[in-house]
Protein backbone atom coordinates (compact mmCIF):
# COMPACT_ATOMS: atom_id res chain seq x y z
CA MET A 1 -13.24 -20.85 -12.44
CA VAL A 2 -9.68 -20.51 -11.29
CA THR A 3 -8.15 -23.97 -11.27
CA ARG A 4 -4.72 -23.43 -11.40
CA VAL A 5 -2.29 -21.39 -10.20
CA MET A 6 -2.37 -17.92 -11.90
CA GLY A 7 -0.51 -14.51 -12.41
CA ASP A 8 -1.76 -11.13 -12.17
CA ALA A 9 -2.12 -10.65 -15.94
CA ASP A 10 -3.72 -14.23 -16.27
CA LEU A 11 -6.01 -13.45 -13.57
CA VAL A 12 -6.86 -9.72 -14.96
CA ALA A 13 -8.05 -11.15 -18.54
CA ALA A 14 -10.12 -13.77 -16.77
CA ALA A 15 -12.17 -11.67 -14.65
CA ALA A 16 -12.35 -9.28 -17.57
CA SER A 17 -14.12 -11.76 -19.32
CA GLY A 18 -16.48 -12.53 -16.76
CA ASP A 19 -14.78 -15.10 -13.84
CA HIS A 20 -15.65 -13.95 -10.82
CA SER A 21 -13.26 -16.37 -9.17
CA ALA A 22 -10.67 -14.60 -10.81
CA TYR A 23 -11.55 -11.16 -9.63
CA ALA A 24 -12.03 -12.67 -5.98
CA THR A 25 -8.47 -13.90 -6.28
CA LEU A 26 -7.07 -10.64 -7.49
CA VAL A 27 -8.50 -9.12 -4.40
CA ARG A 28 -7.53 -11.60 -2.09
CA LEU A 29 -3.71 -11.06 -3.39
CA HIS A 30 -4.07 -7.69 -3.51
CA ALA A 31 -6.13 -6.21 -0.73
CA ASP A 32 -3.70 -6.20 1.95
CA ALA A 33 -1.68 -3.53 -0.09
CA VAL A 34 -4.31 -1.61 -0.89
CA TYR A 35 -5.59 -1.23 2.88
CA ALA A 36 -2.03 -0.58 3.86
CA HIS A 37 -1.87 2.29 1.99
CA ALA A 38 -5.31 3.64 2.61
CA LEU A 39 -4.44 3.29 6.36
CA ARG A 40 -1.29 5.10 6.34
CA PHE A 41 -2.94 7.50 3.93
CA PHE A 42 -6.08 8.22 6.10
CA GLY A 43 -4.81 6.75 9.63
CA ASP A 44 -7.98 5.60 10.44
CA ALA A 45 -9.03 2.45 9.98
CA PRO A 46 -12.83 2.63 8.80
CA THR A 47 -11.59 5.55 6.36
CA ALA A 48 -8.73 2.71 4.72
CA GLU A 49 -11.42 0.46 4.75
CA ASP A 50 -13.85 2.39 2.67
CA ALA A 51 -11.27 3.26 0.52
CA THR A 52 -10.24 -0.30 0.08
CA GLN A 53 -14.03 -1.20 -0.61
CA GLU A 54 -14.06 1.85 -3.25
CA VAL A 55 -10.44 0.70 -4.80
CA PHE A 56 -12.11 -2.73 -5.74
CA LEU A 57 -15.23 -1.32 -7.09
CA LYS A 58 -13.20 1.05 -9.31
CA VAL A 59 -11.01 -2.06 -10.53
CA PHE A 60 -13.65 -3.86 -11.32
CA ARG A 61 -15.61 -1.47 -13.28
CA SER A 62 -12.57 -0.74 -15.05
CA LEU A 63 -11.03 -4.19 -15.46
CA GLY A 64 -11.72 -3.82 -19.22
CA SER A 65 -9.70 -0.87 -19.79
CA PHE A 66 -6.78 -2.56 -18.39
CA ASP A 67 -4.17 -2.36 -21.18
CA GLY A 68 -1.26 -4.38 -19.77
CA ARG A 69 1.30 -2.03 -20.72
CA ALA A 70 2.30 -1.67 -16.77
CA ARG A 71 1.97 -4.47 -14.39
CA PHE A 72 -1.16 -4.73 -12.62
CA SER A 73 0.14 -3.95 -9.36
CA THR A 74 1.32 -0.41 -10.90
CA TRP A 75 -2.11 0.10 -11.85
CA LEU A 76 -3.89 -0.97 -8.73
CA TYR A 77 -1.44 1.36 -6.81
CA ARG A 78 -2.50 4.44 -9.23
CA VAL A 79 -5.88 3.69 -8.80
CA THR A 80 -5.61 3.08 -4.96
CA ARG A 81 -3.61 6.80 -4.75
CA ASN A 82 -6.43 8.15 -6.97
CA VAL A 83 -9.32 7.53 -4.68
CA CYS A 84 -7.40 8.34 -1.49
CA LEU A 85 -6.96 11.51 -3.38
CA ASP A 86 -10.59 11.76 -4.58
CA MET A 87 -12.11 11.34 -1.29
CA VAL A 88 -10.15 13.92 -0.03
CA ARG A 89 -11.00 16.42 -2.70
CA ALA A 90 -14.46 15.47 -2.58
CA GLY A 91 -14.35 16.62 1.48
CA LYS A 92 -15.55 12.71 2.49
CA ARG A 93 -12.02 12.45 4.60
CA THR A 94 -9.04 13.91 5.50
CA PRO A 95 -6.13 12.57 5.73
CA LEU A 96 -4.82 12.25 9.48
CA PRO A 97 -1.15 12.57 10.68
CA LEU A 98 -2.16 10.44 13.66
CA ASP A 99 -0.88 6.93 14.89
CA PRO A 100 -2.53 4.44 12.57
CA VAL A 101 -2.00 1.32 14.51
CA ASP A 102 -5.68 0.32 15.81
CA LEU A 103 -4.18 -2.34 18.40
CA GLU A 104 -6.42 -5.10 19.37
CA PRO A 105 -5.89 -6.92 22.86
CA VAL A 106 -3.10 -9.21 22.72
CA SER A 107 -3.92 -12.88 23.41
CA GLN A 108 -1.93 -14.81 26.12
CA ALA A 109 0.69 -16.00 23.77
CA ASP A 110 3.69 -13.65 23.97
CA PHE A 111 3.33 -11.20 20.79
CA SER A 112 4.80 -8.83 22.83
CA ASP A 113 7.88 -7.72 20.68
CA ASP A 114 5.96 -8.05 17.22
CA VAL A 115 3.01 -5.60 18.30
CA ALA A 116 5.81 -3.21 20.14
CA PHE A 117 7.61 -3.39 16.54
CA THR A 118 4.75 -2.54 14.37
CA ASP A 119 3.66 0.05 16.77
CA ALA A 120 7.09 1.63 16.74
CA LEU A 121 7.02 0.97 12.75
CA GLU A 122 3.36 2.35 12.16
CA THR A 123 4.21 5.91 14.25
CA ALA A 124 7.57 6.15 12.77
CA ILE A 125 6.05 5.80 9.08
CA ALA A 126 3.20 8.38 9.89
CA THR A 127 5.79 11.02 11.05
CA LEU A 128 7.20 10.72 7.35
CA PRO A 129 6.42 13.53 5.08
CA PRO A 130 3.69 12.70 2.60
CA GLU A 131 5.79 12.53 -0.18
CA GLU A 132 8.46 10.04 1.30
CA ARG A 133 5.36 7.67 2.78
CA GLU A 134 3.85 7.78 -0.62
CA ALA A 135 7.35 6.97 -2.31
CA LEU A 136 8.28 4.16 0.30
CA GLY A 137 4.46 2.42 -0.05
CA ALA A 138 4.72 2.48 -3.94
CA ILE A 139 8.24 0.62 -3.30
CA GLY A 140 7.69 -1.41 -0.27
CA LEU A 141 3.85 -2.14 -0.21
CA PHE A 142 3.11 -2.45 -4.12
CA GLY A 143 6.39 -3.69 -5.02
CA LEU A 144 6.76 -1.25 -7.55
CA THR A 145 10.37 -0.32 -9.22
CA TYR A 146 11.58 3.00 -9.15
CA ALA A 147 10.85 3.41 -12.68
CA GLU A 148 7.11 2.42 -12.59
CA ALA A 149 7.14 4.51 -8.59
CA SER A 150 8.62 7.86 -11.09
CA ASP A 151 5.88 7.27 -14.04
CA THR A 152 2.71 6.68 -11.63
CA LEU A 153 3.64 9.12 -9.15
CA GLY A 154 4.81 11.87 -11.65
CA VAL A 155 8.16 12.26 -10.47
CA PRO A 156 11.71 12.05 -12.03
CA GLU A 157 12.96 8.06 -10.92
CA GLY A 158 16.01 10.06 -8.88
CA THR A 159 13.49 11.74 -6.31
CA VAL A 160 11.71 8.78 -6.12
CA LYS A 161 14.95 6.97 -4.98
CA SER A 162 16.05 9.87 -2.82
CA ARG A 163 12.51 9.97 -1.04
CA VAL A 164 12.81 6.21 -0.62
CA PHE A 165 16.56 6.73 0.74
CA ARG A 166 15.27 9.73 3.11
CA ALA A 167 12.23 7.59 4.57
CA ARG A 168 14.46 4.45 4.95
CA ARG A 169 16.95 6.29 6.72
CA THR A 170 14.76 8.07 8.92
CA LEU A 171 12.95 5.13 9.99
CA ALA A 172 16.26 2.89 10.92
CA HIS A 173 17.11 6.30 12.93
CA ILE A 174 13.83 6.02 14.92
CA LEU A 175 13.53 2.36 15.10
CA ARG A 176 17.02 2.49 16.53
CA ALA A 177 15.99 4.94 19.18
CA THR A 178 13.30 2.35 20.36
CA GLU A 179 13.77 -0.43 22.31
CA GLY A 180 14.96 -3.68 20.24
CA GLY A 181 15.67 -1.28 17.32
CA GLY A 182 16.91 -3.03 14.37
CA PHE A 183 15.17 -2.82 11.29
CA ASP A 184 15.57 -4.59 8.18
CA GLY A 185 11.97 -5.16 7.05
CA LEU A 186 11.98 -2.87 3.68
CA PRO A 187 12.57 -4.75 0.67
CA GLN A 188 15.51 -2.93 -1.56
CA ARG A 189 14.18 -2.31 -5.57
CA ASP A 190 16.39 -1.45 -8.14
């Protein structure tokens, strides 16, 4: 049972040795990033949910093969990416270049600025070329370094940097054009 705050490496080790609570903690910590990547990849919430479930099934089955040479988040990104690509290759799903935001009705509280910004951001991200979306997701969602993203995506580090730069520049330009425009939500990584 997980009784103290553990890092990913400790949680992975505990989960690999059969600690279901540690595995559940890993899922809780990383499910949002996996789902967000799948949602941006497919543009469809039910498909993203299926992909997220498939990712964590694969992670559960493969925890014993995680060797710790890379951070868990790097390995998880690779698993997520491969599951999404496998679903496309198997003909189960196709990536959709649509707005991936499925907004629920807003309550009476005034969240309109947040909803409008989220909608504008997701719409802007959906317009990016797939290579830029993928690089941006690796850096922004999974918190990979440029070197880790380079290794995972199989492209030179400079290519990752330029894709992320172009993606951020495009997003900033698109979001400045929308009402309430500024954009400073993506973390900078070296």
